Amino acid sequence: MSKLAVAAAAIFGGADAVAPKVVSAPMDAAKGVATPVLRGMNATAVDHALLGSKGKMPCQCVANDPSWKASTRTVPRCVFIDLGAANGNTFNDFMNNKYGAVANCPSVQWSAVLVEANPRFNPELATIGKTHANVEVKSSTAAYMCEAETSFYLDTVNTAKNFWGSSMSSNHPDVQNSGKTKVTVPTINLNKVLFEETIPGDWVMVKMDIEGSEFDVLPCTAKSPSASLIDRLYLEQHSPDWGMAGTTPQQMELAKNELRSKGVDIPAYFSQTL
């Protein structure tokens, strides 16, 4: 890990700062060469037990793939990956230093990836993308652990709360109260985003507010080489019933502990979606 990223862990992290992660030699090597494919439930019995199955997932865990193209960037920076970006409110908080002083980013540089499945927010996110050349907007796209298409159910009742109950799960009570109104959207693989958009010297923050899909995504990411690229995970955890992989609360804790063992800081977090 670069000295700049070490400094970011101590300075940019603010009051929540923890000792910076140490990136292992195998992880460094994996950034520059084709690495073995680990495909979740077919990979090992351990993965099968951890991920479970309800038969509803649009695709299976893809923890790594040799077709992914590693970033050739050499200058480290902050990378803010916003999963469940809504209308960009959390990104605005990032820009307003609520996740730490942006001026303390490595090399005083930053970029962001904004992922939001609800098409209601497409215009606001498009404006952000046009305003900031270093922001990649993935609108009408669901954050997940593989690439496919999925039904995404829209919250149409919580108008005062930024329609915060939209979810891939038809079990979500706000989805049910909205008559299970749905659209079809592509999914994006968090593990691929990490591999292709970040480098080991970056200070990488992932905000995850995806209404239950975290129970599918995080066990997969915990098994991915890309996990070690995350410095801090801001996770809003919901009901396990909203996941589709069958992950239990106990299995979720195992996944989070595996992430922590790879240097990922997971502070208590609630996403201010309003």
C-alpha atoms as a PDB file:
ATOM      1  CA  MET A   1       0.000   0.000   0.000  1.00  0.00           C
ATOM      2  CA  SER A   2       1.350   3.434  -0.860  1.00  0.00           C
ATOM      3  CA  LYS A   3       2.303   6.030   1.741  1.00  0.00           C
ATOM      4  CA  LEU A   4      -0.389   8.272   0.307  1.00  0.00           C
ATOM      5  CA  ALA A   5      -3.046   5.666   0.980  1.00  0.00           C
ATOM      6  CA  VAL A   6      -1.667   5.110   4.498  1.00  0.00           C
ATOM      7  CA  ALA A   7      -2.014   8.833   5.078  1.00  0.00           C
ATOM      8  CA  ALA A   8      -5.557   8.731   3.728  1.00  0.00           C
ATOM      9  CA  ALA A   9      -6.452   5.980   6.161  1.00  0.00           C
ATOM     10  CA  ALA A  10      -5.259   8.143   9.033  1.00  0.00           C
ATOM     11  CA  ILE A  11      -6.448  11.536   7.780  1.00  0.00           C
ATOM     12  CA  PHE A  12      -9.300  11.120   5.320  1.00  0.00           C
ATOM     13  CA  GLY A  13     -10.970   8.555   7.536  1.00  0.00           C
ATOM     14  CA  GLY A  14     -11.476  11.192  10.231  1.00  0.00           C
ATOM     15  CA  ALA A  15     -12.698  10.068  13.630  1.00  0.00           C
ATOM     16  CA  ASP A  16     -13.560   6.618  12.281  1.00  0.00           C
ATOM     17  CA  ALA A  17     -10.043   5.977  10.989  1.00  0.00           C
ATOM     18  CA  VAL A  18      -8.554   2.547  11.558  1.00  0.00           C
ATOM     19  CA  ALA A  19      -5.154   1.078  10.848  1.00  0.00           C
ATOM     20  CA  PRO A  20      -4.796   0.940   7.052  1.00  0.00           C
ATOM     21  CA  LYS A  21      -5.044  -2.388   5.305  1.00  0.00           C
ATOM     22  CA  VAL A  22      -1.931  -4.120   4.064  1.00  0.00           C
ATOM     23  CA  VAL A  23      -2.399  -5.437   0.551  1.00  0.00           C
ATOM     24  CA  SER A  24      -0.848  -8.867   0.178  1.00  0.00           C
ATOM     25  CA  ALA A  25       1.569  -9.762  -2.588  1.00  0.00           C
ATOM     26  CA  PRO A  26      -0.932 -12.193  -4.167  1.00  0.00           C
ATOM     27  CA  MET A  27      -3.503  -9.421  -4.359  1.00  0.00           C
ATOM     28  CA  ASP A  28      -0.985  -7.089  -5.984  1.00  0.00           C
ATOM     29  CA  ALA A  29      -0.166  -9.747  -8.516  1.00  0.00           C
ATOM     30  CA  ALA A  30      -3.820 -10.418  -9.209  1.00  0.00           C
ATOM     31  CA  LYS A  31      -4.222  -6.859 -10.425  1.00  0.00           C
ATOM     32  CA  GLY A  32      -1.859  -7.407 -13.309  1.00  0.00           C
ATOM     33  CA  VAL A  33      -2.483 -10.966 -14.473  1.00  0.00           C
ATOM     34  CA  ALA A  34      -5.378 -13.210 -15.314  1.00  0.00           C
ATOM     35  CA  THR A  35      -6.540 -14.860 -12.097  1.00  0.00           C
ATOM     36  CA  PRO A  36      -8.541 -18.049 -11.563  1.00  0.00           C
ATOM     37  CA  VAL A  37     -12.302 -17.869 -11.902  1.00  0.00           C
ATOM     38  CA  LEU A  38     -14.262 -18.301  -8.687  1.00  0.00           C
ATOM     39  CA  ARG A  39     -17.957 -18.585  -9.404  1.00  0.00           C
ATOM     40  CA  GLY A  40     -19.672 -18.651  -6.055  1.00  0.00           C
ATOM     41  CA  MET A  41     -21.996 -21.570  -5.575  1.00  0.00           C
ATOM     42  CA  ASN A  42     -20.102 -23.776  -8.028  1.00  0.00           C
ATOM     43  CA  ALA A  43     -16.713 -22.943  -6.555  1.00  0.00           C
ATOM     44  CA  THR A  44     -16.577 -24.822  -3.254  1.00  0.00           C
ATOM     45  CA  ALA A  45     -18.871 -26.440  -0.734  1.00  0.00           C
ATOM     46  CA  VAL A  46     -18.094 -23.550   1.587  1.00  0.00           C
ATOM     47  CA  ASP A  47     -19.370 -21.032  -0.950  1.00  0.00           C
ATOM     48  CA  HIS A  48     -22.483 -23.118  -1.519  1.00  0.00           C
ATOM     49  CA  ALA A  49     -23.259 -23.182   2.193  1.00  0.00           C
ATOM     50  CA  LEU A  50     -22.566 -19.495   2.601  1.00  0.00           C
ATOM     51  CA  LEU A  51     -24.586 -18.258  -0.358  1.00  0.00           C
ATOM     52  CA  GLY A  52     -27.503 -20.667  -0.093  1.00  0.00           C
ATOM     53  CA  SER A  53     -30.187 -20.730  -2.743  1.00  0.00           C
ATOM     54  CA  LYS A  54     -33.798 -19.664  -3.146  1.00  0.00           C
ATOM     55  CA  GLY A  55     -33.826 -20.167  -6.903  1.00  0.00           C
ATOM     56  CA  LYS A  56     -34.712 -16.527  -7.542  1.00  0.00           C
ATOM     57  CA  MET A  57     -31.357 -14.930  -8.230  1.00  0.00           C
ATOM     58  CA  PRO A  58     -30.906 -13.489 -11.740  1.00  0.00           C
ATOM     59  CA  CYS A  59     -27.383 -14.936 -11.834  1.00  0.00           C
ATOM     60  CA  GLN A  60     -24.799 -16.653  -9.654  1.00  0.00           C
ATOM     61  CA  CYS A  61     -21.888 -15.137  -7.759  1.00  0.00           C
ATOM     62  CA  VAL A  62     -18.948 -14.178  -9.978  1.00  0.00           C
ATOM     63  CA  ALA A  63     -16.142 -13.354  -7.585  1.00  0.00           C
ATOM     64  CA  ASN A  64     -13.475 -12.980 -10.272  1.00  0.00           C
ATOM     65  CA  ASP A  65     -13.098 -13.403 -14.020  1.00  0.00           C
ATOM     66  CA  PRO A  66      -9.982 -13.393 -16.242  1.00  0.00           C
ATOM     67  CA  SER A  67     -11.822 -11.286 -18.833  1.00  0.00           C
ATOM     68  CA  TRP A  68     -11.930  -8.305 -16.462  1.00  0.00           C
ATOM     69  CA  LYS A  69      -9.459  -5.572 -17.330  1.00  0.00           C
ATOM     70  CA  ALA A  70      -7.389  -4.214 -14.461  1.00  0.00           C
ATOM     71  CA  SER A  71      -6.958  -0.467 -14.225  1.00  0.00           C
ATOM     72  CA  THR A  72      -3.710   0.845 -15.682  1.00  0.00           C
ATOM     73  CA  ARG A  73      -3.901   3.993 -13.568  1.00  0.00           C
ATOM     74  CA  THR A  74      -0.854   4.576 -11.359  1.00  0.00           C
ATOM     75  CA  VAL A  75      -1.782   7.709  -9.392  1.00  0.00           C
ATOM     76  CA  PRO A  76      -3.827   6.845  -6.282  1.00  0.00           C
ATOM     77  CA  ARG A  77      -7.000   8.696  -5.339  1.00  0.00           C
ATOM     78  CA  CYS A  78     -10.223   8.362  -3.391  1.00  0.00           C
ATOM     79  CA  VAL A  79     -12.862   6.231  -5.076  1.00  0.00           C
ATOM     80  CA  PHE A  80     -16.438   6.558  -3.813  1.00  0.00           C
ATOM     81  CA  ILE A  81     -18.657   3.684  -4.986  1.00  0.00           C
ATOM     82  CA  ASP A  82     -22.282   4.498  -4.218  1.00  0.00           C
ATOM     83  CA  LEU A  83     -24.606   1.488  -4.459  1.00  0.00           C
ATOM     84  CA  GLY A  84     -28.147   2.737  -4.146  1.00  0.00           C
ATOM     85  CA  ALA A  85     -27.268   6.267  -5.189  1.00  0.00           C
ATOM     86  CA  ALA A  86     -30.897   7.498  -5.347  1.00  0.00           C
ATOM     87  CA  ASN A  87     -30.890  11.082  -6.660  1.00  0.00           C
ATOM     88  CA  GLY A  88     -27.233  11.629  -5.757  1.00  0.00           C
ATOM     89  CA  ASN A  89     -27.852  12.802  -2.208  1.00  0.00           C
ATOM     90  CA  THR A  90     -25.135  10.579  -0.739  1.00  0.00           C
ATOM     91  CA  PHE A  91     -22.678  11.660  -3.416  1.00  0.00           C
ATOM     92  CA  ASN A  92     -23.458  15.255  -2.466  1.00  0.00           C
ATOM     93  CA  ASP A  93     -22.626  14.350   1.135  1.00  0.00           C
ATOM     94  CA  PHE A  94     -19.314  12.935  -0.069  1.00  0.00           C
ATOM     95  CA  MET A  95     -18.564  16.159  -1.912  1.00  0.00           C
ATOM     96  CA  ASN A  96     -19.499  18.149   1.196  1.00  0.00           C
ATOM     97  CA  ASN A  97     -16.878  16.276   3.247  1.00  0.00           C
ATOM     98  CA  LYS A  98     -19.363  14.267   5.310  1.00  0.00           C
ATOM     99  CA  TYR A  99     -17.366  11.110   4.579  1.00  0.00           C
ATOM    100  CA  GLY A 100     -14.083  12.892   5.339  1.00  0.00           C
ATOM    101  CA  ALA A 101     -12.260  15.847   3.838  1.00  0.00           C
ATOM    102  CA  VAL A 102     -12.019  15.368   0.078  1.00  0.00           C
ATOM    103  CA  ALA A 103      -8.923  17.565   0.152  1.00  0.00           C
ATOM    104  CA  ASN A 104      -7.171  14.765   2.055  1.00  0.00           C
ATOM    105  CA  CYS A 105      -7.644  12.216  -0.709  1.00  0.00           C
ATOM    106  CA  PRO A 106      -4.457  10.595  -2.027  1.00  0.00           C
ATOM    107  CA  SER A 107      -2.909  12.913  -4.621  1.00  0.00           C
ATOM    108  CA  VAL A 108      -5.849  15.251  -3.865  1.00  0.00           C
ATOM    109  CA  GLN A 109      -7.827  13.365  -6.492  1.00  0.00           C
ATOM    110  CA  TRP A 110     -11.095  11.478  -6.418  1.00  0.00           C
ATOM    111  CA  SER A 111     -13.615   9.690  -8.604  1.00  0.00           C
ATOM    112  CA  ALA A 112     -17.029   8.153  -8.033  1.00  0.00           C
ATOM    113  CA  VAL A 113     -19.248   5.409  -9.410  1.00  0.00           C
ATOM    114  CA  LEU A 114     -22.970   5.952  -8.819  1.00  0.00           C
ATOM    115  CA  VAL A 115     -25.252   2.926  -9.207  1.00  0.00           C
ATOM    116  CA  GLU A 116     -29.033   3.251  -8.959  1.00  0.00           C
ATOM    117  CA  ALA A 117     -31.735   0.925 -10.271  1.00  0.00           C
ATOM    118  CA  ASN A 118     -34.773   3.184  -9.919  1.00  0.00           C
ATOM    119  CA  PRO A 119     -35.292   5.010 -13.240  1.00  0.00           C
ATOM    120  CA  ARG A 120     -37.064   7.803 -11.364  1.00  0.00           C
ATOM    121  CA  PHE A 121     -33.640   9.213 -10.506  1.00  0.00           C
ATOM    122  CA  ASN A 122     -32.141   9.089 -14.002  1.00  0.00           C
ATOM    123  CA  PRO A 123     -32.407  12.865 -14.677  1.00  0.00           C
ATOM    124  CA  GLU A 124     -30.718  13.912 -11.427  1.00  0.00           C
ATOM    125  CA  LEU A 125     -27.910  11.406 -11.853  1.00  0.00           C
ATOM    126  CA  ALA A 126     -27.411  12.430 -15.470  1.00  0.00           C
ATOM    127  CA  THR A 127     -26.925  16.015 -14.319  1.00  0.00           C
ATOM    128  CA  ILE A 128     -24.257  14.910 -11.849  1.00  0.00           C
ATOM    129  CA  GLY A 129     -22.506  12.931 -14.569  1.00  0.00           C
ATOM    130  CA  LYS A 130     -22.474  15.940 -16.871  1.00  0.00           C
ATOM    131  CA  THR A 131     -21.197  18.209 -14.111  1.00  0.00           C
ATOM    132  CA  HIS A 132     -18.340  15.959 -12.975  1.00  0.00           C
ATOM    133  CA  ALA A 133     -16.166  14.287 -15.594  1.00  0.00           C
ATOM    134  CA  ASN A 134     -14.742  11.944 -12.938  1.00  0.00           C
ATOM    135  CA  VAL A 135     -18.163  10.521 -12.000  1.00  0.00           C
ATOM    136  CA  GLU A 136     -19.358   7.354 -13.739  1.00  0.00           C
ATOM    137  CA  VAL A 137     -23.145   7.050 -13.586  1.00  0.00           C
ATOM    138  CA  LYS A 138     -24.825   3.659 -13.807  1.00  0.00           C
ATOM    139  CA  SER A 139     -28.495   4.614 -13.775  1.00  0.00           C
ATOM    140  CA  SER A 140     -31.370   2.147 -14.180  1.00  0.00           C
ATOM    141  CA  THR A 141     -28.839  -0.480 -13.044  1.00  0.00           C
ATOM    142  CA  ALA A 142     -28.995  -2.706  -9.969  1.00  0.00           C
ATOM    143  CA  ALA A 143     -25.910  -3.363  -7.851  1.00  0.00           C
ATOM    144  CA  TYR A 144     -25.313  -7.088  -7.558  1.00  0.00           C
ATOM    145  CA  MET A 145     -22.668  -9.858  -7.645  1.00  0.00           C
ATOM    146  CA  CYS A 146     -22.881 -10.753 -11.348  1.00  0.00           C
ATOM    147  CA  GLU A 147     -24.137  -9.376 -14.647  1.00  0.00           C
ATOM    148  CA  ALA A 148     -27.611 -10.209 -15.903  1.00  0.00           C
ATOM    149  CA  GLU A 149     -31.078  -8.684 -16.049  1.00  0.00           C
ATOM    150  CA  THR A 150     -33.444  -8.559 -13.099  1.00  0.00           C
ATOM    151  CA  SER A 151     -36.868  -7.430 -12.058  1.00  0.00           C
ATOM    152  CA  PHE A 152     -36.620  -4.351  -9.880  1.00  0.00           C
ATOM    153  CA  TYR A 153     -39.633  -3.403  -7.809  1.00  0.00           C
ATOM    154  CA  LEU A 154     -40.461   0.263  -7.358  1.00  0.00           C
ATOM    155  CA  ASP A 155     -41.541   1.923  -4.141  1.00  0.00           C
ATOM    156  CA  THR A 156     -44.293   4.285  -5.235  1.00  0.00           C
ATOM    157  CA  VAL A 157     -45.717   5.137  -1.797  1.00  0.00           C
ATOM    158  CA  ASN A 158     -42.874   6.714   0.186  1.00  0.00           C
ATOM    159  CA  THR A 159     -42.897  10.018  -1.635  1.00  0.00           C
ATOM    160  CA  ALA A 160     -41.640  11.878   1.449  1.00  0.00           C
ATOM    161  CA  LYS A 161     -38.739   9.443   1.895  1.00  0.00           C
ATOM    162  CA  ASN A 162     -37.256   9.478  -1.590  1.00  0.00           C
ATOM    163  CA  PHE A 163     -38.958   6.175  -2.515  1.00  0.00           C
ATOM    164  CA  TRP A 164     -36.405   4.426  -0.308  1.00  0.00           C
ATOM    165  CA  GLY A 165     -38.125   1.000  -0.335  1.00  0.00           C
ATOM    166  CA  SER A 166     -37.433   0.115  -3.973  1.00  0.00           C
ATOM    167  CA  SER A 167     -35.827  -3.317  -4.082  1.00  0.00           C
ATOM    168  CA  MET A 168     -34.983  -6.411  -6.128  1.00  0.00           C
ATOM    169  CA  SER A 169     -37.056  -8.324  -3.586  1.00  0.00           C
ATOM    170  CA  SER A 170     -40.807  -8.750  -3.940  1.00  0.00           C
ATOM    171  CA  ASN A 171     -40.852  -9.500  -0.180  1.00  0.00           C
ATOM    172  CA  HIS A 172     -40.104  -5.887   0.725  1.00  0.00           C
ATOM    173  CA  PRO A 173     -43.204  -4.423   2.456  1.00  0.00           C
ATOM    174  CA  ASP A 174     -42.918  -1.111   0.583  1.00  0.00           C
ATOM    175  CA  VAL A 175     -42.795  -3.069  -2.679  1.00  0.00           C
ATOM    176  CA  GLN A 176     -45.912  -4.967  -1.692  1.00  0.00           C
ATOM    177  CA  ASN A 177     -47.665  -1.749  -0.651  1.00  0.00           C
ATOM    178  CA  SER A 178     -46.794  -0.383  -4.096  1.00  0.00           C
ATOM    179  CA  GLY A 179     -48.533  -3.262  -5.861  1.00  0.00           C
ATOM    180  CA  LYS A 180     -45.248  -4.894  -6.912  1.00  0.00           C
ATOM    181  CA  THR A 181     -44.756  -2.361  -9.676  1.00  0.00           C
ATOM    182  CA  LYS A 182     -41.595  -3.434 -11.473  1.00  0.00           C
ATOM    183  CA  VAL A 183     -39.171  -2.627 -14.244  1.00  0.00           C
ATOM    184  CA  THR A 184     -36.456  -4.747 -15.852  1.00  0.00           C
ATOM    185  CA  VAL A 185     -32.911  -3.463 -15.399  1.00  0.00           C
ATOM    186  CA  PRO A 186     -29.378  -4.821 -15.892  1.00  0.00           C
ATOM    187  CA  THR A 187     -27.245  -5.757 -12.922  1.00  0.00           C
ATOM    188  CA  ILE A 188     -23.663  -4.675 -12.327  1.00  0.00           C
ATOM    189  CA  ASN A 189     -21.061  -6.758 -10.488  1.00  0.00           C
ATOM    190  CA  LEU A 190     -19.470  -4.946  -7.546  1.00  0.00           C
ATOM    191  CA  ASN A 191     -16.433  -7.238  -7.725  1.00  0.00           C
ATOM    192  CA  LYS A 192     -15.825  -6.235 -11.334  1.00  0.00           C
ATOM    193  CA  VAL A 193     -16.226  -2.535 -10.527  1.00  0.00           C
ATOM    194  CA  LEU A 194     -13.619  -2.834  -7.788  1.00  0.00           C
ATOM    195  CA  PHE A 195     -11.204  -4.734 -10.031  1.00  0.00           C
ATOM    196  CA  GLU A 196     -11.513  -2.390 -12.999  1.00  0.00           C
ATOM    197  CA  GLU A 197     -11.994   0.996 -11.311  1.00  0.00           C
ATOM    198  CA  THR A 198      -9.568   0.897  -8.370  1.00  0.00           C
ATOM    199  CA  ILE A 199      -5.904   0.209  -7.643  1.00  0.00           C
ATOM    200  CA  PRO A 200      -4.304  -0.937  -4.360  1.00  0.00           C
ATOM    201  CA  GLY A 201      -3.060   2.571  -3.513  1.00  0.00           C
ATOM    202  CA  ASP A 202      -6.553   4.085  -3.614  1.00  0.00           C
ATOM    203  CA  TRP A 203      -8.694   4.938  -0.600  1.00  0.00           C
ATOM    204  CA  VAL A 204     -11.850   3.049  -1.586  1.00  0.00           C
ATOM    205  CA  MET A 205     -15.217   3.639   0.053  1.00  0.00           C
ATOM    206  CA  VAL A 206     -18.263   1.548  -0.807  1.00  0.00           C
ATOM    207  CA  LYS A 207     -21.661   2.779   0.349  1.00  0.00           C
ATOM    208  CA  MET A 208     -24.198  -0.024   0.142  1.00  0.00           C
ATOM    209  CA  ASP A 209     -27.888   0.688   0.628  1.00  0.00           C
ATOM    210  CA  ILE A 210     -29.566  -1.842  -1.656  1.00  0.00           C
ATOM    211  CA  GLU A 211     -32.619  -2.985   0.308  1.00  0.00           C
ATOM    212  CA  GLY A 212     -31.713  -6.590   1.050  1.00  0.00           C
ATOM    213  CA  SER A 213     -29.487  -7.442  -1.900  1.00  0.00           C
ATOM    214  CA  GLU A 214     -26.523  -6.996   0.437  1.00  0.00           C
ATOM    215  CA  PHE A 215     -27.320 -10.526   1.669  1.00  0.00           C
ATOM    216  CA  ASP A 216     -26.499 -11.764  -1.840  1.00  0.00           C
ATOM    217  CA  VAL A 217     -23.632  -9.421  -2.690  1.00  0.00           C
ATOM    218  CA  LEU A 218     -21.453  -9.379   0.424  1.00  0.00           C
ATOM    219  CA  PRO A 219     -20.882 -13.152   0.810  1.00  0.00           C
ATOM    220  CA  CYS A 220     -19.751 -13.156  -2.814  1.00  0.00           C
ATOM    221  CA  THR A 221     -17.490 -10.133  -2.384  1.00  0.00           C
ATOM    222  CA  ALA A 222     -15.991 -11.684   0.762  1.00  0.00           C
ATOM    223  CA  LYS A 223     -14.730 -14.532  -1.465  1.00  0.00           C
ATOM    224  CA  SER A 224     -13.438 -12.201  -4.160  1.00  0.00           C
ATOM    225  CA  PRO A 225      -9.818 -11.030  -4.550  1.00  0.00           C
ATOM    226  CA  SER A 226     -11.355  -7.597  -5.108  1.00  0.00           C
ATOM    227  CA  ALA A 227     -12.452  -7.434  -1.466  1.00  0.00           C
ATOM    228  CA  SER A 228      -8.977  -6.358  -0.360  1.00  0.00           C
ATOM    229  CA  LEU A 229      -9.310  -3.230  -2.472  1.00  0.00           C
ATOM    230  CA  ILE A 230     -12.039  -1.860  -0.175  1.00  0.00           C
ATOM    231  CA  ASP A 231     -10.899   0.327   2.700  1.00  0.00           C
ATOM    232  CA  ARG A 232     -14.272   1.202   4.173  1.00  0.00           C
ATOM    233  CA  LEU A 233     -17.742  -0.273   3.704  1.00  0.00           C
ATOM    234  CA  TYR A 234     -20.692   1.874   4.705  1.00  0.00           C
ATOM    235  CA  LEU A 235     -23.370  -0.799   4.951  1.00  0.00           C
ATOM    236  CA  GLU A 236     -27.038  -0.304   5.703  1.00  0.00           C
ATOM    237  CA  GLN A 237     -28.199  -3.817   6.540  1.00  0.00           C
ATOM    238  CA  HIS A 238     -31.842  -4.763   6.053  1.00  0.00           C
ATOM    239  CA  SER A 239     -34.000  -7.827   6.609  1.00  0.00           C
ATOM    240  CA  PRO A 240     -32.457 -11.114   5.449  1.00  0.00           C
ATOM    241  CA  ASP A 241     -35.874 -11.977   3.998  1.00  0.00           C
ATOM    242  CA  TRP A 242     -35.231  -9.389   1.292  1.00  0.00           C
ATOM    243  CA  GLY A 243     -32.203 -11.274  -0.013  1.00  0.00           C
ATOM    244  CA  MET A 244     -32.611 -13.910  -2.711  1.00  0.00           C
ATOM    245  CA  ALA A 245     -29.605 -16.151  -2.019  1.00  0.00           C
ATOM    246  CA  GLY A 246     -30.918 -17.532   1.271  1.00  0.00           C
ATOM    247  CA  THR A 247     -28.107 -16.010   3.334  1.00  0.00           C
ATOM    248  CA  THR A 248     -28.880 -16.202   7.054  1.00  0.00           C
ATOM    249  CA  PRO A 249     -27.917 -13.480   9.571  1.00  0.00           C
ATOM    250  CA  GLN A 250     -25.220 -15.804  10.911  1.00  0.00           C
ATOM    251  CA  GLN A 251     -23.778 -16.344   7.440  1.00  0.00           C
ATOM    252  CA  MET A 252     -23.876 -12.594   6.856  1.00  0.00           C
ATOM    253  CA  GLU A 253     -21.788 -12.065   9.989  1.00  0.00           C
ATOM    254  CA  LEU A 254     -19.293 -14.641   8.729  1.00  0.00           C
ATOM    255  CA  ALA A 255     -19.046 -12.744   5.440  1.00  0.00           C
ATOM    256  CA  LYS A 256     -18.510  -9.422   7.201  1.00  0.00           C
ATOM    257  CA  ASN A 257     -15.842 -10.931   9.436  1.00  0.00           C
ATOM    258  CA  GLU A 258     -14.098 -12.322   6.361  1.00  0.00           C
ATOM    259  CA  LEU A 259     -14.147  -8.843   4.840  1.00  0.00           C
ATOM    260  CA  ARG A 260     -12.713  -7.397   8.045  1.00  0.00           C
ATOM    261  CA  SER A 261      -9.936  -9.995   7.944  1.00  0.00           C
ATOM    262  CA  LYS A 262      -9.035  -8.592   4.516  1.00  0.00           C
ATOM    263  CA  GLY A 263      -8.705  -5.059   5.885  1.00  0.00           C
ATOM    264  CA  VAL A 264     -12.231  -3.726   5.287  1.00  0.00           C
ATOM    265  CA  ASP A 265     -13.464  -1.325   7.959  1.00  0.00           C
ATOM    266  CA  ILE A 266     -17.248  -1.650   8.490  1.00  0.00           C
ATOM    267  CA  PRO A 267     -18.477   1.095  10.834  1.00  0.00           C
ATOM    268  CA  ALA A 268     -22.059   1.381  12.041  1.00  0.00           C
ATOM    269  CA  TYR A 269     -23.968   3.219   9.328  1.00  0.00           C
ATOM    270  CA  PHE A 270     -27.400   4.495   8.357  1.00  0.00           C
ATOM    271  CA  SER A 271     -27.831   5.986   4.904  1.00  0.00           C
ATOM    272  CA  GLN A 272     -29.568   9.347   4.918  1.00  0.00           C
ATOM    273  CA  THR A 273     -31.650   8.863   1.806  1.00  0.00           C
ATOM    274  CA  LEU A 274     -33.826  11.954   2.192  1.00  0.00           C
END
